[in-house]
């Protein structure tokens, strides 16, 4: 399924192995088209991605105290609420999508 939507590609392997690799560091989980099947597939991919990321964050939080102090100080979880325009929200996404645009 990931190969069908262009997230991974098969690489040469030996025997019965079918190794895959990510095509891009950027992951766009939006529906590739307006059809219901595309939207449902995108929704399922987004749910799987969120569950994976939540699991990674939970694991990191449990192991956080075993990290070096500099990493504990440099990282953390938090949240904030602010009022912004759609344009303000798009700019950081655009910067993240194009790593060359970041300082």
N, C-alpha and C. Protein backbone atom coordinates (compact mmCIF):
# COMPACT_ATOMS: atom_id res chain seq x y z
N UNK A 1 0.82 -1.19 0.00
CA UNK A 1 0.00 0.00 0.00
C UNK A 1 0.87 1.26 0.00
N UNK A 2 1.96 1.26 0.81
CA UNK A 2 2.84 2.43 0.84
C UNK A 2 3.52 2.66 -0.50
N UNK A 3 3.87 1.57 -1.17
CA UNK A 3 4.46 1.69 -2.49
C UNK A 3 3.47 2.21 -3.51
N UNK A 4 2.21 1.79 -3.39
CA UNK A 4 1.16 2.23 -4.30
C UNK A 4 1.02 3.74 -4.30
N UNK A 5 1.19 4.36 -3.13
CA UNK A 5 1.01 5.80 -3.02
C UNK A 5 2.32 6.58 -3.03
N UNK A 6 3.44 5.90 -3.34
CA UNK A 6 4.69 6.59 -3.56
C UNK A 6 5.47 6.97 -2.31
N UNK A 7 5.23 6.29 -1.18
CA UNK A 7 5.97 6.58 0.05
C UNK A 7 7.26 5.77 0.14
N UNK A 8 7.25 4.55 -0.41
CA UNK A 8 8.42 3.68 -0.36
C UNK A 8 8.64 3.05 -1.72
N UNK A 9 9.87 2.54 -1.92
CA UNK A 9 10.18 1.81 -3.15
C UNK A 9 10.95 0.56 -2.78
N UNK A 10 10.77 -0.45 -3.59
CA UNK A 10 11.46 -1.71 -3.36
C UNK A 10 12.91 -1.57 -3.80
N UNK A 11 13.80 -2.18 -3.03
CA UNK A 11 15.22 -2.19 -3.39
C UNK A 11 15.65 -3.64 -3.57
N UNK A 12 16.74 -3.87 -4.29
CA UNK A 12 17.18 -5.25 -4.52
C UNK A 12 17.43 -6.00 -3.21
N UNK A 13 17.01 -7.23 -3.18
CA UNK A 13 17.21 -8.08 -2.02
C UNK A 13 17.55 -9.48 -2.48
N UNK A 14 17.88 -10.32 -1.53
CA UNK A 14 18.23 -11.69 -1.89
C UNK A 14 17.17 -12.65 -1.37
N UNK A 15 16.98 -13.73 -2.08
CA UNK A 15 16.04 -14.76 -1.64
C UNK A 15 14.62 -14.24 -1.56
N UNK A 16 13.96 -14.57 -0.46
CA UNK A 16 12.56 -14.19 -0.28
C UNK A 16 12.39 -12.78 0.30
N UNK A 17 13.50 -12.13 0.63
CA UNK A 17 13.42 -10.79 1.19
C UNK A 17 12.91 -9.80 0.16
N UNK A 18 12.08 -8.86 0.63
CA UNK A 18 11.60 -7.78 -0.22
C UNK A 18 11.83 -6.47 0.51
N UNK A 19 13.09 -6.02 0.57
CA UNK A 19 13.38 -4.79 1.33
C UNK A 19 12.81 -3.55 0.63
N UNK A 20 12.43 -2.56 1.44
CA UNK A 20 11.89 -1.30 0.96
C UNK A 20 12.66 -0.16 1.58
N UNK A 21 12.61 1.00 0.95
CA UNK A 21 13.19 2.20 1.55
C UNK A 21 12.26 3.37 1.27
N UNK A 22 12.34 4.33 2.16
CA UNK A 22 11.54 5.54 2.03
C UNK A 22 12.02 6.34 0.82
N UNK A 23 11.10 6.90 0.09
CA UNK A 23 11.44 7.69 -1.08
C UNK A 23 11.82 9.11 -0.68
N UNK A 24 11.21 9.62 0.37
CA UNK A 24 11.43 11.01 0.76
C UNK A 24 11.37 11.14 2.28
N UNK A 25 12.06 12.13 2.82
CA UNK A 25 11.96 12.42 4.25
C UNK A 25 10.63 13.09 4.57
N UNK A 26 10.03 13.72 3.58
CA UNK A 26 8.75 14.40 3.77
C UNK A 26 7.61 13.40 3.51
N UNK A 27 6.61 13.46 4.35
CA UNK A 27 5.47 12.57 4.21
C UNK A 27 4.21 13.40 4.05
N UNK A 28 3.58 13.30 2.91
CA UNK A 28 2.33 13.99 2.65
C UNK A 28 1.23 12.94 2.64
N UNK A 29 0.38 12.97 3.63
CA UNK A 29 -0.66 11.96 3.76
C UNK A 29 -2.00 12.41 3.20
N UNK A 30 -2.01 13.51 2.48
CA UNK A 30 -3.28 13.99 1.92
C UNK A 30 -3.73 13.08 0.78
N UNK A 31 -5.02 13.08 0.54
CA UNK A 31 -5.60 12.23 -0.51
C UNK A 31 -5.07 12.67 -1.88
N UNK A 32 -4.65 11.71 -2.72
CA UNK A 32 -4.12 12.07 -4.03
C UNK A 32 -5.21 12.52 -5.02
N UNK A 33 -6.46 12.28 -4.69
CA UNK A 33 -7.56 12.67 -5.57
C UNK A 33 -8.84 12.85 -4.79
N UNK A 34 -9.89 13.29 -5.45
CA UNK A 34 -11.15 13.58 -4.75
C UNK A 34 -12.03 12.35 -4.50
N UNK A 35 -11.65 11.21 -5.03
CA UNK A 35 -12.49 10.02 -4.90
C UNK A 35 -12.58 9.57 -3.45
N UNK A 36 -13.70 8.97 -3.09
CA UNK A 36 -13.93 8.49 -1.72
C UNK A 36 -12.84 7.51 -1.29
N UNK A 37 -12.45 6.60 -2.17
CA UNK A 37 -11.41 5.62 -1.82
C UNK A 37 -10.10 6.32 -1.47
N UNK A 38 -9.73 7.35 -2.23
CA UNK A 38 -8.51 8.12 -1.94
C UNK A 38 -8.61 8.77 -0.57
N UNK A 39 -9.76 9.38 -0.27
CA UNK A 39 -9.93 10.06 1.02
C UNK A 39 -9.88 9.06 2.17
N UNK A 40 -10.52 7.90 1.99
CA UNK A 40 -10.50 6.88 3.05
C UNK A 40 -9.10 6.31 3.26
N UNK A 41 -8.37 6.10 2.17
CA UNK A 41 -6.99 5.62 2.28
C UNK A 41 -6.12 6.65 3.00
N UNK A 42 -6.29 7.93 2.67
CA UNK A 42 -5.52 8.99 3.32
C UNK A 42 -5.86 9.07 4.80
N UNK A 43 -7.14 8.90 5.13
CA UNK A 43 -7.55 8.92 6.54
C UNK A 43 -6.93 7.76 7.30
N UNK A 44 -6.91 6.57 6.70
CA UNK A 44 -6.32 5.40 7.36
C UNK A 44 -4.81 5.59 7.52
N UNK A 45 -4.15 6.13 6.51
CA UNK A 45 -2.71 6.38 6.60
C UNK A 45 -2.41 7.40 7.69
N UNK A 46 -3.23 8.43 7.78
CA UNK A 46 -3.04 9.45 8.80
C UNK A 46 -3.22 8.87 10.19
N UNK A 47 -4.24 8.04 10.38
CA UNK A 47 -4.47 7.40 11.68
C UNK A 47 -3.28 6.52 12.07
N UNK A 48 -2.77 5.73 11.12
CA UNK A 48 -1.62 4.86 11.39
C UNK A 48 -0.39 5.71 11.73
N UNK A 49 -0.18 6.79 10.99
CA UNK A 49 0.96 7.68 11.23
C UNK A 49 0.86 8.29 12.63
N UNK A 50 -0.31 8.81 12.99
CA UNK A 50 -0.49 9.42 14.31
C UNK A 50 -0.26 8.42 15.43
N UNK A 51 -0.77 7.21 15.27
CA UNK A 51 -0.58 6.18 16.30
C UNK A 51 0.90 5.86 16.45
N UNK A 52 1.60 5.74 15.34
CA UNK A 52 3.04 5.47 15.37
C UNK A 52 3.79 6.61 16.08
N UNK A 53 3.46 7.85 15.72
CA UNK A 53 4.13 9.00 16.34
C UNK A 53 3.80 9.11 17.82
N UNK A 54 2.55 8.86 18.21
CA UNK A 54 2.19 8.89 19.63
C UNK A 54 2.96 7.82 20.40
N UNK A 55 3.10 6.63 19.81
CA UNK A 55 3.87 5.56 20.46
C UNK A 55 5.32 5.98 20.63
N UNK A 56 5.91 6.61 19.60
CA UNK A 56 7.29 7.08 19.71
C UNK A 56 7.44 8.13 20.81
N UNK A 57 6.48 9.05 20.90
CA UNK A 57 6.54 10.08 21.94
C UNK A 57 6.37 9.48 23.33
N UNK A 58 5.47 8.51 23.47
CA UNK A 58 5.28 7.86 24.76
C UNK A 58 6.56 7.13 25.18
N UNK A 59 7.18 6.43 24.25
CA UNK A 59 8.43 5.72 24.54
C UNK A 59 9.52 6.69 24.94
N UNK A 60 9.64 7.78 24.19
CA UNK A 60 10.65 8.78 24.51
C UNK A 60 10.40 9.37 25.89
N UNK A 61 9.16 9.65 26.22
CA UNK A 61 8.84 10.24 27.51
C UNK A 61 9.21 9.28 28.65
N UNK A 62 8.96 7.99 28.45
CA UNK A 62 9.30 7.00 29.49
C UNK A 62 10.81 6.89 29.69
N UNK A 63 11.57 7.07 28.61
CA UNK A 63 13.02 6.92 28.67
C UNK A 63 13.75 8.26 28.82
N UNK A 64 13.03 9.34 28.90
CA UNK A 64 13.62 10.69 28.90
C UNK A 64 14.68 10.86 29.98
N UNK A 65 14.44 10.35 31.16
CA UNK A 65 15.39 10.53 32.26
C UNK A 65 16.71 9.80 32.03
N UNK A 66 16.73 8.84 31.11
CA UNK A 66 17.98 8.13 30.83
C UNK A 66 18.81 8.85 29.77
N UNK A 67 18.26 9.91 29.17
CA UNK A 67 19.00 10.69 28.17
C UNK A 67 20.04 11.58 28.85
N UNK A 68 21.02 12.00 28.08
CA UNK A 68 21.99 12.96 28.58
C UNK A 68 21.28 14.24 28.98
N UNK A 69 21.79 14.91 29.99
CA UNK A 69 21.14 16.12 30.49
C UNK A 69 20.95 17.17 29.39
N UNK A 70 21.95 17.30 28.50
CA UNK A 70 21.82 18.30 27.44
C UNK A 70 20.62 18.01 26.54
N UNK A 71 20.31 16.73 26.31
CA UNK A 71 19.16 16.37 25.49
C UNK A 71 17.86 16.54 26.27
N UNK A 72 17.89 16.25 27.56
CA UNK A 72 16.69 16.49 28.39
C UNK A 72 16.36 17.97 28.41
N UNK A 73 17.40 18.81 28.50
CA UNK A 73 17.19 20.27 28.54
C UNK A 73 16.74 20.82 27.18
N UNK A 74 17.20 20.20 26.12
CA UNK A 74 16.91 20.71 24.78
C UNK A 74 15.58 20.21 24.22
N UNK A 75 14.97 19.26 24.87
CA UNK A 75 13.74 18.68 24.33
C UNK A 75 12.64 18.66 25.38
N UNK A 76 11.47 18.40 24.93
CA UNK A 76 10.34 18.31 25.84
C UNK A 76 9.03 18.28 25.08
N UNK A 77 7.97 18.13 25.80
CA UNK A 77 6.63 18.14 25.22
C UNK A 77 5.88 19.32 25.79
N UNK A 78 5.08 19.92 24.98
CA UNK A 78 4.30 21.05 25.45
C UNK A 78 3.30 21.45 24.39
N UNK A 79 2.58 22.46 24.70
CA UNK A 79 1.59 22.95 23.74
C UNK A 79 1.24 24.38 24.05
N UNK A 80 0.69 25.03 23.07
CA UNK A 80 0.23 26.40 23.26
C UNK A 80 -0.89 26.67 22.26
N UNK A 81 -1.66 27.68 22.55
CA UNK A 81 -2.75 28.08 21.66
C UNK A 81 -2.52 29.52 21.27
N UNK A 82 -2.68 29.81 19.99
CA UNK A 82 -2.54 31.18 19.52
C UNK A 82 -3.46 31.38 18.33
N UNK A 83 -3.78 32.61 18.07
CA UNK A 83 -4.62 32.95 16.92
C UNK A 83 -3.70 33.42 15.80
N UNK A 84 -3.80 32.73 14.66
CA UNK A 84 -2.97 33.08 13.51
C UNK A 84 -3.82 33.01 12.25
N UNK A 85 -3.32 33.56 11.18
CA UNK A 85 -4.00 33.48 9.90
C UNK A 85 -3.59 32.18 9.19
N UNK A 86 -4.34 31.82 8.17
CA UNK A 86 -3.97 30.64 7.38
C UNK A 86 -2.60 30.83 6.74
N UNK A 87 -2.30 32.05 6.31
CA UNK A 87 -0.99 32.33 5.72
C UNK A 87 0.14 32.12 6.73
N UNK A 88 -0.08 32.58 7.99
CA UNK A 88 0.93 32.39 9.03
C UNK A 88 1.18 30.90 9.27
N UNK A 89 0.13 30.09 9.21
CA UNK A 89 0.27 28.65 9.44
C UNK A 89 0.94 27.96 8.26
N UNK A 90 0.77 28.48 7.07
CA UNK A 90 1.33 27.87 5.87
C UNK A 90 2.84 28.09 5.78
N UNK A 91 3.32 29.25 6.20
CA UNK A 91 4.74 29.56 6.07
C UNK A 91 5.65 28.53 6.73
N UNK A 92 5.43 28.14 8.01
CA UNK A 92 6.31 27.12 8.61
C UNK A 92 6.21 25.78 7.89
N UNK A 93 5.01 25.40 7.44
CA UNK A 93 4.87 24.14 6.71
C UNK A 93 5.66 24.19 5.42
N UNK A 94 5.64 25.32 4.75
CA UNK A 94 6.40 25.48 3.51
C UNK A 94 7.89 25.38 3.79
N UNK A 95 8.35 26.01 4.88
CA UNK A 95 9.77 25.96 5.24
C UNK A 95 10.20 24.53 5.57
N UNK A 96 9.36 23.80 6.29
CA UNK A 96 9.70 22.43 6.64
C UNK A 96 9.69 21.51 5.42
N UNK A 97 8.82 21.80 4.46
CA UNK A 97 8.75 21.00 3.24
C UNK A 97 9.98 21.23 2.35
N UNK A 98 10.63 22.38 2.51
CA UNK A 98 11.81 22.71 1.72
C UNK A 98 12.98 22.97 2.67
N UNK A 99 13.69 21.91 3.09
CA UNK A 99 14.79 22.08 4.04
C UNK A 99 15.84 23.08 3.58
N UNK A 100 15.97 23.31 2.29
CA UNK A 100 16.94 24.28 1.78
C UNK A 100 16.57 25.70 2.15
N UNK A 101 15.30 25.92 2.52
CA UNK A 101 14.85 27.27 2.86
C UNK A 101 15.18 27.63 4.30
N UNK A 102 15.54 26.63 5.11
CA UNK A 102 15.84 26.89 6.52
C UNK A 102 17.28 27.37 6.68
N UNK A 103 17.50 28.23 7.68
CA UNK A 103 18.88 28.73 7.91
C UNK A 103 19.83 27.63 8.35
